[in-house]
Every structure is written in C-alpha cells, then in structure tokens.
C-alpha cells in the first residue's frame, strides 16, 4: 500500500515538473488562433490587429485560422479536439459559451473542455437597413414591419446578431423572417445589395458602409452609445424599454493547458491590446478594450450565460 502511494506521489510530482518545464519553455513553435467565423468578424479583426505585436512579444509566428459554421460550434469543437499543449487557442464571441449551450440541443464539445484566458474587448451589434427600405429610425422600422412582411439578415443562427434581433422583435411586438448567413460579412453584403432589407450586424463589419452612406444605422444594441456612432441611439433610447444586448470577445484555451502558459499568453495579449495604436484601431472598429483577467472573464461569462438563458427561454429559441 505504501509502495502504491509512493508511486502515485512520484507520478504526480513528475507531472507537475513536466507541466512547469513546458510552461517555462513555451512557446517553441508557431501558435494557432482559431476564429470560428468567416473573415471580417470581430474575432478576425482583433487578431489581425494584435498578431504582429504578439509575434514580437512571444517570438513565434501567430497563425489565424477561420473555422466557421453552426454559430461558432465547428471552430470550437476543432479546438476541443486539438492537443492541450498550448499551441491552439480559440478566439470567439462570448456567445459560444453563454448562448450556444442554451440554443443547441446537441453541442459538439463540452463547456468544461475550455477555460477563459482573457476577455479582450466588448462590442455592440448595429441595427442597419438598406437605404431603399426608406426607414430612418427604430419607430419607422417597427411601423413598416407591422404593415407588411419583412426579413432580416444575421451572421448565423444563435450568433449575437440573431439573438439581438430576436430580443428586439420580442420586446417590440413585431415579426420578421430570419435569413442566416455564415458570418456577419456575407450577411452585410446581402443587406448592401438589397437582397435582405435589414440586419443586426457587428459594428466593425458595417461601420465603413454606414460612414459611406450605403447603410442606414438605426440603433446599437448595447446599454451605451457606440463611440464610433455617437449620434445613433441605443435600442432602449429609441423606445424599446428593457432592451440591452452587448457582447464580448474572449480568448479560450483548453482546460488542460498549464495556467503558467495561459498567464503568459494573457499578459502578451493585454500588452498588445493596450498599446496606443491597437486601442485606437479597435475603437475605430467599434470595440472597447477590456483585457480582463481569466477570473474576471469567467465571472462575466457565468453572469451572461444566466442572462441569455432567460432570454432564450422567453423567445423560445432552439436549434438541433
């Protein structure tokens, strides 16, 4: 019995030593950041802004790989199946953990497969319409939707734009047909082309088109106005009482990755995000830098999961 306990203790000690050694020497090869959406969304934009600074800090190449589909579940499951060696991470909107488990009946990965590295930034969705729709306010859109059938575009079932719009429809008492796309960028393209009249889409994706006059911004989804669109009201300010839908961008690692590696990556990302040029670039894409600790990110994710779980139950949203 004593011999068995001794062997177990030695095994545990060896495992701890190996973990510490791996963390101290990390990174020794290129790091892959998986963005579970098509190019052009918030996760893709943020990583491309900070990648060069991360490469200089960590002295290894940073590769961004887009694995889109199923509201981010495909990319997340890809990371969940990867080796827990600290060389493959997930960069995604918080909805992967706060919304998808409430929406999808069959999740292709477990929440416990991951742990939060840092909540990088926060952002809202922007309610936009093609100018041909001839609406310039939330009140006008509600009136138009009540007078006839309308549709709206989102970046996919269960993603922030879909959830933001469904909450809007529920609280304003109107109906619109959902047209999902594989990411906010292709959704925005069809709204620009007039194929779909409106959409609740990520600010960074639609902001250039709003400034060019190709899309009309009616409102933003968060509790506060966008720094990039100070004249555009929040949905709550526009008359839909009780409405608030803001979102965050989070980096996740596999749960088995040593905390020392997670901390090294977090500090490198925080430094990159808080540099003056990166923070200004993010502000110009309608994102506010947060750069939280792992513990702060986990607490916010748990709080938002409870919030969105209640909303999803209220609107009866569900996917296979």
C-alpha atoms as a PDB file:
ATOM      1  CA  UNK A   1       0.000   0.000   0.000  1.00  0.00           C
ATOM      2  CA  UNK A   2       2.809   2.379   0.924  1.00  0.00           C
ATOM      3  CA  UNK A   3       4.617   1.497  -2.313  1.00  0.00           C
ATOM      4  CA  UNK A   4       1.497   2.304  -4.360  1.00  0.00           C
ATOM      5  CA  UNK A   5       1.054   5.651  -2.585  1.00  0.00           C
ATOM      6  CA  UNK A   6       4.699   6.432  -3.186  1.00  0.00           C
ATOM      7  CA  UNK A   7       4.395   5.647  -6.905  1.00  0.00           C
ATOM      8  CA  UNK A   8       1.275   7.839  -7.169  1.00  0.00           C
ATOM      9  CA  UNK A   9       3.053  10.705  -5.431  1.00  0.00           C
ATOM     10  CA  UNK A  10       6.083  10.377  -7.710  1.00  0.00           C
ATOM     11  CA  UNK A  11       3.814  10.289 -10.780  1.00  0.00           C
ATOM     12  CA  UNK A  12       2.027  13.446  -9.644  1.00  0.00           C
ATOM     13  CA  UNK A  13       5.336  15.156  -8.908  1.00  0.00           C
ATOM     14  CA  UNK A  14       6.697  14.185 -12.304  1.00  0.00           C
ATOM     15  CA  UNK A  15       3.533  15.520 -13.981  1.00  0.00           C
ATOM     16  CA  UNK A  16       3.866  18.834 -12.135  1.00  0.00           C
ATOM     17  CA  UNK A  17       7.530  19.104 -13.081  1.00  0.00           C
ATOM     18  CA  UNK A  18       6.775  18.335 -16.742  1.00  0.00           C
ATOM     19  CA  UNK A  19       3.995  20.939 -16.751  1.00  0.00           C
ATOM     20  CA  UNK A  20       6.248  23.606 -15.247  1.00  0.00           C
ATOM     21  CA  UNK A  21       9.031  22.778 -17.686  1.00  0.00           C
ATOM     22  CA  UNK A  22       6.652  23.014 -20.646  1.00  0.00           C
ATOM     23  CA  UNK A  23       5.329  26.366 -19.411  1.00  0.00           C
ATOM     24  CA  UNK A  24       8.801  27.824 -18.861  1.00  0.00           C
ATOM     25  CA  UNK A  25       9.944  26.949 -22.388  1.00  0.00           C
ATOM     26  CA  UNK A  26       6.676  27.958 -24.092  1.00  0.00           C
ATOM     27  CA  UNK A  27       6.358  28.897 -26.890  1.00  0.00           C
ATOM     28  CA  UNK A  28       8.767  26.891 -29.010  1.00  0.00           C
ATOM     29  CA  UNK A  29       6.750  26.741 -32.234  1.00  0.00           C
ATOM     30  CA  UNK A  30       4.032  28.723 -34.086  1.00  0.00           C
ATOM     31  CA  UNK A  31       0.744  29.397 -32.263  1.00  0.00           C
ATOM     32  CA  UNK A  32      -2.619  28.893 -33.940  1.00  0.00           C
ATOM     33  CA  UNK A  33      -5.582  31.135 -33.121  1.00  0.00           C
ATOM     34  CA  UNK A  34      -8.844  29.637 -34.362  1.00  0.00           C
ATOM     35  CA  UNK A  35     -11.576  32.162 -35.190  1.00  0.00           C
ATOM     36  CA  UNK A  36     -14.830  30.160 -35.540  1.00  0.00           C
ATOM     37  CA  UNK A  37     -16.370  32.608 -38.021  1.00  0.00           C
ATOM     38  CA  UNK A  38     -15.542  33.725 -41.577  1.00  0.00           C
ATOM     39  CA  UNK A  39     -13.014  36.544 -42.123  1.00  0.00           C
ATOM     40  CA  UNK A  40     -14.328  40.037 -41.403  1.00  0.00           C
ATOM     41  CA  UNK A  41     -15.957  39.489 -37.995  1.00  0.00           C
ATOM     42  CA  UNK A  42     -14.824  40.942 -34.630  1.00  0.00           C
ATOM     43  CA  UNK A  43     -12.594  37.992 -33.671  1.00  0.00           C
ATOM     44  CA  UNK A  44     -10.829  38.085 -37.023  1.00  0.00           C
ATOM     45  CA  UNK A  45     -10.376  41.872 -36.894  1.00  0.00           C
ATOM     46  CA  UNK A  46      -8.939  41.907 -33.352  1.00  0.00           C
ATOM     47  CA  UNK A  47      -6.460  39.102 -34.022  1.00  0.00           C
ATOM     48  CA  UNK A  48      -5.189  40.760 -37.173  1.00  0.00           C
ATOM     49  CA  UNK A  49      -4.641  43.995 -35.219  1.00  0.00           C
ATOM     50  CA  UNK A  50      -2.659  42.372 -32.390  1.00  0.00           C
ATOM     51  CA  UNK A  51      -0.971  39.456 -34.224  1.00  0.00           C
ATOM     52  CA  UNK A  52       2.189  41.379 -35.165  1.00  0.00           C
ATOM     53  CA  UNK A  53       2.702  42.605 -31.592  1.00  0.00           C
ATOM     54  CA  UNK A  54       2.123  39.101 -30.216  1.00  0.00           C
ATOM     55  CA  UNK A  55       4.693  37.689 -32.615  1.00  0.00           C
ATOM     56  CA  UNK A  56       7.285  40.206 -31.434  1.00  0.00           C
ATOM     57  CA  UNK A  57       6.478  39.528 -27.768  1.00  0.00           C
ATOM     58  CA  UNK A  58       6.298  35.719 -27.925  1.00  0.00           C
ATOM     59  CA  UNK A  59       8.961  35.374 -30.659  1.00  0.00           C
ATOM     60  CA  UNK A  60       6.864  32.893 -32.620  1.00  0.00           C
ATOM     61  CA  UNK A  61       4.553  33.242 -35.645  1.00  0.00           C
ATOM     62  CA  UNK A  62       0.829  33.651 -34.922  1.00  0.00           C
ATOM     63  CA  UNK A  63      -1.483  31.956 -37.419  1.00  0.00           C
ATOM     64  CA  UNK A  64      -5.165  32.868 -37.653  1.00  0.00           C
ATOM     65  CA  UNK A  65      -7.355  30.045 -38.925  1.00  0.00           C
ATOM     66  CA  UNK A  66     -11.046  30.554 -39.720  1.00  0.00           C
ATOM     67  CA  UNK A  67     -13.247  27.531 -38.988  1.00  0.00           C
ATOM     68  CA  UNK A  68     -16.822  28.740 -39.430  1.00  0.00           C
ATOM     69  CA  UNK A  69     -20.279  27.253 -39.018  1.00  0.00           C
ATOM     70  CA  UNK A  70     -23.010  26.367 -36.501  1.00  0.00           C
ATOM     71  CA  UNK A  71     -22.748  29.631 -34.577  1.00  0.00           C
ATOM     72  CA  UNK A  72     -19.055  29.027 -33.865  1.00  0.00           C
ATOM     73  CA  UNK A  73     -19.503  25.433 -32.681  1.00  0.00           C
ATOM     74  CA  UNK A  74     -17.482  23.931 -35.538  1.00  0.00           C
ATOM     75  CA  UNK A  75     -14.407  26.003 -34.748  1.00  0.00           C
ATOM     76  CA  UNK A  76     -14.766  25.406 -31.013  1.00  0.00           C
ATOM     77  CA  UNK A  77     -15.075  21.644 -31.483  1.00  0.00           C
ATOM     78  CA  UNK A  78     -11.962  21.741 -33.697  1.00  0.00           C
ATOM     79  CA  UNK A  79     -10.009  23.351 -30.851  1.00  0.00           C
ATOM     80  CA  UNK A  80     -11.543  20.941 -28.319  1.00  0.00           C
ATOM     81  CA  UNK A  81     -10.088  18.025 -30.314  1.00  0.00           C
ATOM     82  CA  UNK A  82      -6.617  19.558 -30.552  1.00  0.00           C
ATOM     83  CA  UNK A  83      -3.657  18.667 -28.328  1.00  0.00           C
ATOM     84  CA  UNK A  84      -3.683  20.570 -24.990  1.00  0.00           C
ATOM     85  CA  UNK A  85      -0.109  21.735 -25.499  1.00  0.00           C
ATOM     86  CA  UNK A  86      -0.705  25.496 -25.561  1.00  0.00           C
ATOM     87  CA  UNK A  87      -0.348  25.934 -29.312  1.00  0.00           C
ATOM     88  CA  UNK A  88      -4.007  26.050 -30.368  1.00  0.00           C
ATOM     89  CA  UNK A  89      -6.424  28.617 -28.905  1.00  0.00           C
ATOM     90  CA  UNK A  90      -9.966  29.758 -29.618  1.00  0.00           C
ATOM     91  CA  UNK A  91     -10.790  33.442 -30.121  1.00  0.00           C
ATOM     92  CA  UNK A  92     -14.549  33.909 -30.246  1.00  0.00           C
ATOM     93  CA  UNK A  93     -17.506  35.931 -29.113  1.00  0.00           C
ATOM     94  CA  UNK A  94     -18.766  35.094 -25.640  1.00  0.00           C
ATOM     95  CA  UNK A  95     -21.944  33.593 -27.144  1.00  0.00           C
ATOM     96  CA  UNK A  96     -20.110  30.330 -27.773  1.00  0.00           C
ATOM     97  CA  UNK A  97     -20.291  29.735 -24.017  1.00  0.00           C
ATOM     98  CA  UNK A  98     -23.178  31.996 -22.946  1.00  0.00           C
ATOM     99  CA  UNK A  99     -25.720  31.349 -25.705  1.00  0.00           C
ATOM    100  CA  UNK A 100     -24.957  28.194 -27.679  1.00  0.00           C
ATOM    101  CA  UNK A 101     -25.446  25.758 -24.759  1.00  0.00           C
ATOM    102  CA  UNK A 102     -28.971  27.156 -24.312  1.00  0.00           C
ATOM    103  CA  UNK A 103     -29.763  27.097 -28.041  1.00  0.00           C
ATOM    104  CA  UNK A 104     -28.234  23.916 -29.472  1.00  0.00           C
ATOM    105  CA  UNK A 105     -29.662  20.586 -28.349  1.00  0.00           C
ATOM    106  CA  UNK A 106     -26.505  18.696 -29.313  1.00  0.00           C
ATOM    107  CA  UNK A 107     -23.303  20.576 -28.575  1.00  0.00           C
ATOM    108  CA  UNK A 108     -20.219  19.090 -30.303  1.00  0.00           C
ATOM    109  CA  UNK A 109     -17.972  19.934 -27.341  1.00  0.00           C
ATOM    110  CA  UNK A 110     -18.236  20.357 -23.581  1.00  0.00           C
ATOM    111  CA  UNK A 111     -18.024  23.710 -21.807  1.00  0.00           C
ATOM    112  CA  UNK A 112     -15.598  22.097 -19.389  1.00  0.00           C
ATOM    113  CA  UNK A 113     -13.188  21.493 -22.280  1.00  0.00           C
ATOM    114  CA  UNK A 114     -12.214  25.173 -22.092  1.00  0.00           C
ATOM    115  CA  UNK A 115     -11.109  27.918 -19.731  1.00  0.00           C
ATOM    116  CA  UNK A 116     -11.067  31.648 -20.396  1.00  0.00           C
ATOM    117  CA  UNK A 117      -7.705  33.313 -20.987  1.00  0.00           C
ATOM    118  CA  UNK A 118      -8.997  36.891 -21.188  1.00  0.00           C
ATOM    119  CA  UNK A 119     -12.000  38.933 -22.238  1.00  0.00           C
ATOM    120  CA  UNK A 120     -10.338  41.140 -24.843  1.00  0.00           C
ATOM    121  CA  UNK A 121     -12.972  43.660 -25.902  1.00  0.00           C
ATOM    122  CA  UNK A 122     -16.666  44.496 -25.782  1.00  0.00           C
ATOM    123  CA  UNK A 123     -18.878  45.494 -28.677  1.00  0.00           C
ATOM    124  CA  UNK A 124     -22.495  46.012 -29.672  1.00  0.00           C
ATOM    125  CA  UNK A 125     -24.491  44.977 -32.697  1.00  0.00           C
ATOM    126  CA  UNK A 126     -25.757  47.683 -35.028  1.00  0.00           C
ATOM    127  CA  UNK A 127     -29.263  47.652 -36.482  1.00  0.00           C
ATOM    128  CA  UNK A 128     -28.884  48.658 -40.131  1.00  0.00           C
ATOM    129  CA  UNK A 129     -31.137  48.818 -43.176  1.00  0.00           C
ATOM    130  CA  UNK A 130     -30.556  49.306 -46.877  1.00  0.00           C
ATOM    131  CA  UNK A 131     -31.445  52.922 -47.840  1.00  0.00           C
ATOM    132  CA  UNK A 132     -34.081  51.577 -50.260  1.00  0.00           C
ATOM    133  CA  UNK A 133     -36.142  50.394 -47.259  1.00  0.00           C
ATOM    134  CA  UNK A 134     -36.754  54.094 -46.530  1.00  0.00           C
ATOM    135  CA  UNK A 135     -36.659  53.909 -42.729  1.00  0.00           C
ATOM    136  CA  UNK A 136     -34.506  56.190 -40.602  1.00  0.00           C
ATOM    137  CA  UNK A 137     -35.490  55.223 -37.055  1.00  0.00           C
ATOM    138  CA  UNK A 138     -36.447  52.250 -34.920  1.00  0.00           C
ATOM    139  CA  UNK A 139     -40.012  53.562 -34.721  1.00  0.00           C
ATOM    140  CA  UNK A 140     -40.257  53.689 -38.525  1.00  0.00           C
ATOM    141  CA  UNK A 141     -38.901  50.133 -38.830  1.00  0.00           C
ATOM    142  CA  UNK A 142     -41.431  48.839 -36.295  1.00  0.00           C
ATOM    143  CA  UNK A 143     -44.258  50.564 -38.172  1.00  0.00           C
ATOM    144  CA  UNK A 144     -43.071  49.153 -41.510  1.00  0.00           C
ATOM    145  CA  UNK A 145     -42.741  45.610 -40.098  1.00  0.00           C
ATOM    146  CA  UNK A 146     -46.292  45.835 -38.730  1.00  0.00           C
ATOM    147  CA  UNK A 147     -47.650  46.898 -42.099  1.00  0.00           C
ATOM    148  CA  UNK A 148     -46.172  44.017 -44.125  1.00  0.00           C
ATOM    149  CA  UNK A 149     -43.812  41.056 -44.239  1.00  0.00           C
ATOM    150  CA  UNK A 150     -40.103  41.803 -43.738  1.00  0.00           C
ATOM    151  CA  UNK A 151     -36.922  39.761 -43.316  1.00  0.00           C
ATOM    152  CA  UNK A 152     -33.593  40.372 -41.616  1.00  0.00           C
ATOM    153  CA  UNK A 153     -30.053  39.043 -42.008  1.00  0.00           C
ATOM    154  CA  UNK A 154     -27.692  37.795 -39.313  1.00  0.00           C
ATOM    155  CA  UNK A 155     -24.300  36.127 -39.184  1.00  0.00           C
ATOM    156  CA  UNK A 156     -25.915  32.772 -38.354  1.00  0.00           C
ATOM    157  CA  UNK A 157     -28.357  31.043 -36.055  1.00  0.00           C
ATOM    158  CA  UNK A 158     -27.645  31.797 -32.396  1.00  0.00           C
ATOM    159  CA  UNK A 159     -24.904  34.389 -33.023  1.00  0.00           C
ATOM    160  CA  UNK A 160     -25.064  37.910 -31.490  1.00  0.00           C
ATOM    161  CA  UNK A 161     -26.912  39.481 -34.417  1.00  0.00           C
ATOM    162  CA  UNK A 162     -29.590  36.795 -34.400  1.00  0.00           C
ATOM    163  CA  UNK A 163     -30.066  36.980 -30.653  1.00  0.00           C
ATOM    164  CA  UNK A 164     -30.086  40.798 -30.659  1.00  0.00           C
ATOM    165  CA  UNK A 165     -32.789  40.892 -33.309  1.00  0.00           C
ATOM    166  CA  UNK A 166     -34.932  38.205 -31.692  1.00  0.00           C
ATOM    167  CA  UNK A 167     -34.844  40.117 -28.410  1.00  0.00           C
ATOM    168  CA  UNK A 168     -35.779  43.280 -30.326  1.00  0.00           C
ATOM    169  CA  UNK A 169     -38.687  41.544 -32.075  1.00  0.00           C
ATOM    170  CA  UNK A 170     -39.927  40.074 -28.799  1.00  0.00           C
ATOM    171  CA  UNK A 171     -39.875  43.388 -26.918  1.00  0.00           C
ATOM    172  CA  UNK A 172     -41.276  45.482 -29.788  1.00  0.00           C
ATOM    173  CA  UNK A 173     -44.083  43.038 -30.665  1.00  0.00           C
ATOM    174  CA  UNK A 174     -43.245  42.603 -34.352  1.00  0.00           C
ATOM    175  CA  UNK A 175     -42.261  39.693 -36.593  1.00  0.00           C
ATOM    176  CA  UNK A 176     -39.533  39.422 -39.226  1.00  0.00           C
ATOM    177  CA  UNK A 177     -38.229  36.375 -41.105  1.00  0.00           C
ATOM    178  CA  UNK A 178     -34.695  35.349 -40.157  1.00  0.00           C
ATOM    179  CA  UNK A 179     -32.195  34.864 -43.018  1.00  0.00           C
ATOM    180  CA  UNK A 180     -28.990  33.366 -41.515  1.00  0.00           C
ATOM    181  CA  UNK A 181     -25.573  33.593 -43.159  1.00  0.00           C
ATOM    182  CA  UNK A 182     -22.181  32.071 -42.447  1.00  0.00           C
ATOM    183  CA  UNK A 183     -20.835  35.150 -40.703  1.00  0.00           C
ATOM    184  CA  UNK A 184     -21.618  38.875 -40.467  1.00  0.00           C
ATOM    185  CA  UNK A 185     -19.593  39.828 -43.559  1.00  0.00           C
ATOM    186  CA  UNK A 186     -21.690  37.852 -46.092  1.00  0.00           C
ATOM    187  CA  UNK A 187     -24.865  38.959 -44.280  1.00  0.00           C
ATOM    188  CA  UNK A 188     -23.795  42.596 -44.632  1.00  0.00           C
ATOM    189  CA  UNK A 189     -23.082  42.087 -48.331  1.00  0.00           C
ATOM    190  CA  UNK A 190     -26.640  40.959 -48.998  1.00  0.00           C
ATOM    191  CA  UNK A 191     -28.084  43.849 -46.987  1.00  0.00           C
ATOM    192  CA  UNK A 192     -25.868  46.185 -49.044  1.00  0.00           C
ATOM    193  CA  UNK A 193     -27.163  44.554 -52.233  1.00  0.00           C
ATOM    194  CA  UNK A 194     -30.769  44.887 -51.090  1.00  0.00           C
ATOM    195  CA  UNK A 195     -31.333  41.125 -51.081  1.00  0.00           C
ATOM    196  CA  UNK A 196     -32.371  41.385 -47.419  1.00  0.00           C
ATOM    197  CA  UNK A 197     -33.683  44.752 -46.157  1.00  0.00           C
ATOM    198  CA  UNK A 198     -32.164  44.928 -42.670  1.00  0.00           C
ATOM    199  CA  UNK A 199     -29.883  43.219 -40.185  1.00  0.00           C
ATOM    200  CA  UNK A 200     -28.464  43.373 -36.683  1.00  0.00           C
ATOM    201  CA  UNK A 201     -24.762  43.037 -37.503  1.00  0.00           C
ATOM    202  CA  UNK A 202     -21.378  43.514 -35.853  1.00  0.00           C
ATOM    203  CA  UNK A 203     -20.294  47.156 -35.738  1.00  0.00           C
ATOM    204  CA  UNK A 204     -16.826  46.538 -37.260  1.00  0.00           C
ATOM    205  CA  UNK A 205     -18.433  44.824 -40.254  1.00  0.00           C
ATOM    206  CA  UNK A 206     -20.968  47.542 -41.108  1.00  0.00           C
ATOM    207  CA  UNK A 207     -19.258  50.716 -39.852  1.00  0.00           C
ATOM    208  CA  UNK A 208     -17.446  51.551 -43.135  1.00  0.00           C
ATOM    209  CA  UNK A 209     -20.700  51.119 -45.083  1.00  0.00           C
ATOM    210  CA  UNK A 210     -22.592  53.352 -42.636  1.00  0.00           C
ATOM    211  CA  UNK A 211     -19.974  56.095 -42.986  1.00  0.00           C
ATOM    212  CA  UNK A 212     -20.119  55.733 -46.777  1.00  0.00           C
ATOM    213  CA  UNK A 213     -23.912  56.184 -46.711  1.00  0.00           C
ATOM    214  CA  UNK A 214     -24.533  52.715 -48.121  1.00  0.00           C
ATOM    215  CA  UNK A 215     -26.328  51.524 -44.975  1.00  0.00           C
ATOM    216  CA  UNK A 216     -28.602  53.400 -42.572  1.00  0.00           C
ATOM    217  CA  UNK A 217     -27.844  52.856 -38.863  1.00  0.00           C
ATOM    218  CA  UNK A 218     -30.998  52.887 -36.730  1.00  0.00           C
ATOM    219  CA  UNK A 219     -29.666  51.877 -33.300  1.00  0.00           C
ATOM    220  CA  UNK A 220     -26.985  49.963 -31.380  1.00  0.00           C
ATOM    221  CA  UNK A 221     -27.729  47.019 -29.137  1.00  0.00           C
ATOM    222  CA  UNK A 222     -25.741  47.870 -26.004  1.00  0.00           C
ATOM    223  CA  UNK A 223     -26.637  49.926 -22.943  1.00  0.00           C
ATOM    224  CA  UNK A 224     -24.389  52.790 -24.123  1.00  0.00           C
ATOM    225  CA  UNK A 225     -23.963  54.509 -27.464  1.00  0.00           C
ATOM    226  CA  UNK A 226     -21.117  53.445 -29.718  1.00  0.00           C
ATOM    227  CA  UNK A 227     -18.022  55.709 -29.583  1.00  0.00           C
ATOM    228  CA  UNK A 228     -17.898  55.382 -33.366  1.00  0.00           C
ATOM    229  CA  UNK A 229     -21.562  56.306 -33.847  1.00  0.00           C
ATOM    230  CA  UNK A 230     -22.307  58.882 -31.128  1.00  0.00           C
ATOM    231  CA  UNK A 231     -25.400  60.197 -32.929  1.00  0.00           C
ATOM    232  CA  UNK A 232     -27.019  56.758 -33.205  1.00  0.00           C
ATOM    233  CA  UNK A 233     -29.239  55.893 -30.207  1.00  0.00           C
ATOM    234  CA  UNK A 234     -29.324  52.643 -28.307  1.00  0.00           C
ATOM    235  CA  UNK A 235     -32.392  50.465 -28.892  1.00  0.00           C
ATOM    236  CA  UNK A 236     -33.514  51.379 -25.370  1.00  0.00           C
ATOM    237  CA  UNK A 237     -33.184  55.093 -26.105  1.00  0.00           C
ATOM    238  CA  UNK A 238     -35.139  54.550 -29.310  1.00  0.00           C
ATOM    239  CA  UNK A 239     -38.152  53.447 -27.293  1.00  0.00           C
ATOM    240  CA  UNK A 240     -37.806  49.700 -26.751  1.00  0.00           C
ATOM    241  CA  UNK A 241     -37.797  49.570 -22.952  1.00  0.00           C
ATOM    242  CA  UNK A 242     -35.690  46.961 -21.170  1.00  0.00           C
ATOM    243  CA  UNK A 243     -33.504  46.253 -24.192  1.00  0.00           C
ATOM    244  CA  UNK A 244     -29.770  45.642 -23.639  1.00  0.00           C
ATOM    245  CA  UNK A 245     -27.548  43.330 -25.684  1.00  0.00           C
ATOM    246  CA  UNK A 246     -23.800  43.825 -25.517  1.00  0.00           C
ATOM    247  CA  UNK A 247     -21.188  41.176 -26.303  1.00  0.00           C
ATOM    248  CA  UNK A 248     -17.524  40.415 -25.686  1.00  0.00           C
ATOM    249  CA  UNK A 249     -14.608  38.853 -27.498  1.00  0.00           C
ATOM    250  CA  UNK A 250     -12.831  36.159 -25.478  1.00  0.00           C
ATOM    251  CA  UNK A 251      -9.730  34.006 -25.892  1.00  0.00           C
ATOM    252  CA  UNK A 252     -10.121  30.440 -24.638  1.00  0.00           C
ATOM    253  CA  UNK A 253      -7.577  27.703 -24.037  1.00  0.00           C
ATOM    254  CA  UNK A 254      -8.145  24.033 -23.439  1.00  0.00           C
ATOM    255  CA  UNK A 255      -8.665  23.308 -19.761  1.00  0.00           C
ATOM    256  CA  UNK A 256      -5.577  21.078 -19.505  1.00  0.00           C
ATOM    257  CA  UNK A 257      -3.195  23.804 -20.702  1.00  0.00           C
ATOM    258  CA  UNK A 258      -0.982  24.833 -17.741  1.00  0.00           C
ATOM    259  CA  UNK A 259      -2.023  28.056 -16.023  1.00  0.00           C
ATOM    260  CA  UNK A 260       1.507  29.402 -16.481  1.00  0.00           C
ATOM    261  CA  UNK A 261       1.081  29.259 -20.275  1.00  0.00           C
ATOM    262  CA  UNK A 262      -2.365  30.829 -20.058  1.00  0.00           C
ATOM    263  CA  UNK A 263      -0.929  33.682 -17.982  1.00  0.00           C
ATOM    264  CA  UNK A 264       1.964  34.222 -20.409  1.00  0.00           C
ATOM    265  CA  UNK A 265      -0.436  34.483 -23.325  1.00  0.00           C
ATOM    266  CA  UNK A 266      -2.813  36.745 -21.404  1.00  0.00           C
ATOM    267  CA  UNK A 267      -0.077  39.206 -20.462  1.00  0.00           C
ATOM    268  CA  UNK A 268       1.209  39.310 -24.047  1.00  0.00           C
ATOM    269  CA  UNK A 269      -2.301  39.951 -25.371  1.00  0.00           C
ATOM    270  CA  UNK A 270      -3.009  42.633 -22.756  1.00  0.00           C
ATOM    271  CA  UNK A 271       0.198  44.457 -23.702  1.00  0.00           C
ATOM    272  CA  UNK A 272      -0.712  44.252 -27.391  1.00  0.00           C
ATOM    273  CA  UNK A 273      -4.294  45.439 -26.823  1.00  0.00           C
ATOM    274  CA  UNK A 274      -3.332  48.347 -24.580  1.00  0.00           C
ATOM    275  CA  UNK A 275      -0.758  49.772 -26.956  1.00  0.00           C
ATOM    276  CA  UNK A 276      -1.920  53.153 -28.209  1.00  0.00           C
ATOM    277  CA  UNK A 277      -2.164  52.202 -31.876  1.00  0.00           C
ATOM    278  CA  UNK A 278      -4.041  48.928 -31.203  1.00  0.00           C
ATOM    279  CA  UNK A 279      -6.572  50.543 -28.861  1.00  0.00           C
ATOM    280  CA  UNK A 280      -7.211  53.340 -31.396  1.00  0.00           C
ATOM    281  CA  UNK A 281      -7.666  50.825 -34.211  1.00  0.00           C
ATOM    282  CA  UNK A 282     -10.102  48.841 -32.077  1.00  0.00           C
ATOM    283  CA  UNK A 283     -12.020  51.988 -31.189  1.00  0.00           C
ATOM    284  CA  UNK A 284     -12.329  52.776 -34.889  1.00  0.00           C
ATOM    285  CA  UNK A 285     -13.913  49.336 -35.391  1.00  0.00           C
ATOM    286  CA  UNK A 286     -16.459  49.984 -32.619  1.00  0.00           C
ATOM    287  CA  UNK A 287     -14.744  47.901 -29.921  1.00  0.00           C
ATOM    288  CA  UNK A 288     -13.729  48.874 -26.395  1.00  0.00           C
ATOM    289  CA  UNK A 289     -10.633  47.231 -24.884  1.00  0.00           C
ATOM    290  CA  UNK A 290     -11.269  45.241 -21.698  1.00  0.00           C
ATOM    291  CA  UNK A 291      -8.194  42.951 -21.374  1.00  0.00           C
ATOM    292  CA  UNK A 292      -9.542  41.168 -18.280  1.00  0.00           C
ATOM    293  CA  UNK A 293      -8.010  38.509 -16.094  1.00  0.00           C
ATOM    294  CA  UNK A 294      -9.060  34.885 -16.548  1.00  0.00           C
ATOM    295  CA  UNK A 295     -11.115  35.065 -13.341  1.00  0.00           C
ATOM    296  CA  UNK A 296     -12.916  38.259 -14.408  1.00  0.00           C
ATOM    297  CA  UNK A 297     -13.734  36.738 -17.784  1.00  0.00           C
ATOM    298  CA  UNK A 298     -15.113  33.575 -16.178  1.00  0.00           C
ATOM    299  CA  UNK A 299     -17.334  35.573 -13.803  1.00  0.00           C
ATOM    300  CA  UNK A 300     -18.737  37.691 -16.679  1.00  0.00           C
ATOM    301  CA  UNK A 301     -19.350  34.596 -18.814  1.00  0.00           C
ATOM    302  CA  UNK A 302     -21.306  32.931 -15.990  1.00  0.00           C
ATOM    303  CA  UNK A 303     -23.397  36.078 -15.459  1.00  0.00           C
ATOM    304  CA  UNK A 304     -24.145  36.498 -19.166  1.00  0.00           C
ATOM    305  CA  UNK A 305     -24.987  32.808 -19.547  1.00  0.00           C
ATOM    306  CA  UNK A 306     -27.721  33.188 -16.930  1.00  0.00           C
ATOM    307  CA  UNK A 307     -28.995  36.364 -18.634  1.00  0.00           C
ATOM    308  CA  UNK A 308     -29.141  34.918 -22.141  1.00  0.00           C
ATOM    309  CA  UNK A 309     -30.549  31.627 -20.890  1.00  0.00           C
ATOM    310  CA  UNK A 310     -33.566  33.539 -19.585  1.00  0.00           C
ATOM    311  CA  UNK A 311     -33.911  35.492 -22.855  1.00  0.00           C
ATOM    312  CA  UNK A 312     -33.662  32.349 -24.998  1.00  0.00           C
ATOM    313  CA  UNK A 313     -36.327  30.646 -22.917  1.00  0.00           C
ATOM    314  CA  UNK A 314     -38.535  33.732 -23.260  1.00  0.00           C
ATOM    315  CA  UNK A 315     -38.308  33.823 -27.062  1.00  0.00           C
ATOM    316  CA  UNK A 316     -38.310  30.031 -27.466  1.00  0.00           C
ATOM    317  CA  UNK A 317     -35.093  29.887 -29.489  1.00  0.00           C
ATOM    318  CA  UNK A 318     -33.743  26.410 -30.201  1.00  0.00           C
ATOM    319  CA  UNK A 319     -31.546  24.618 -32.748  1.00  0.00           C
ATOM    320  CA  UNK A 320     -30.826  20.951 -33.478  1.00  0.00           C
END
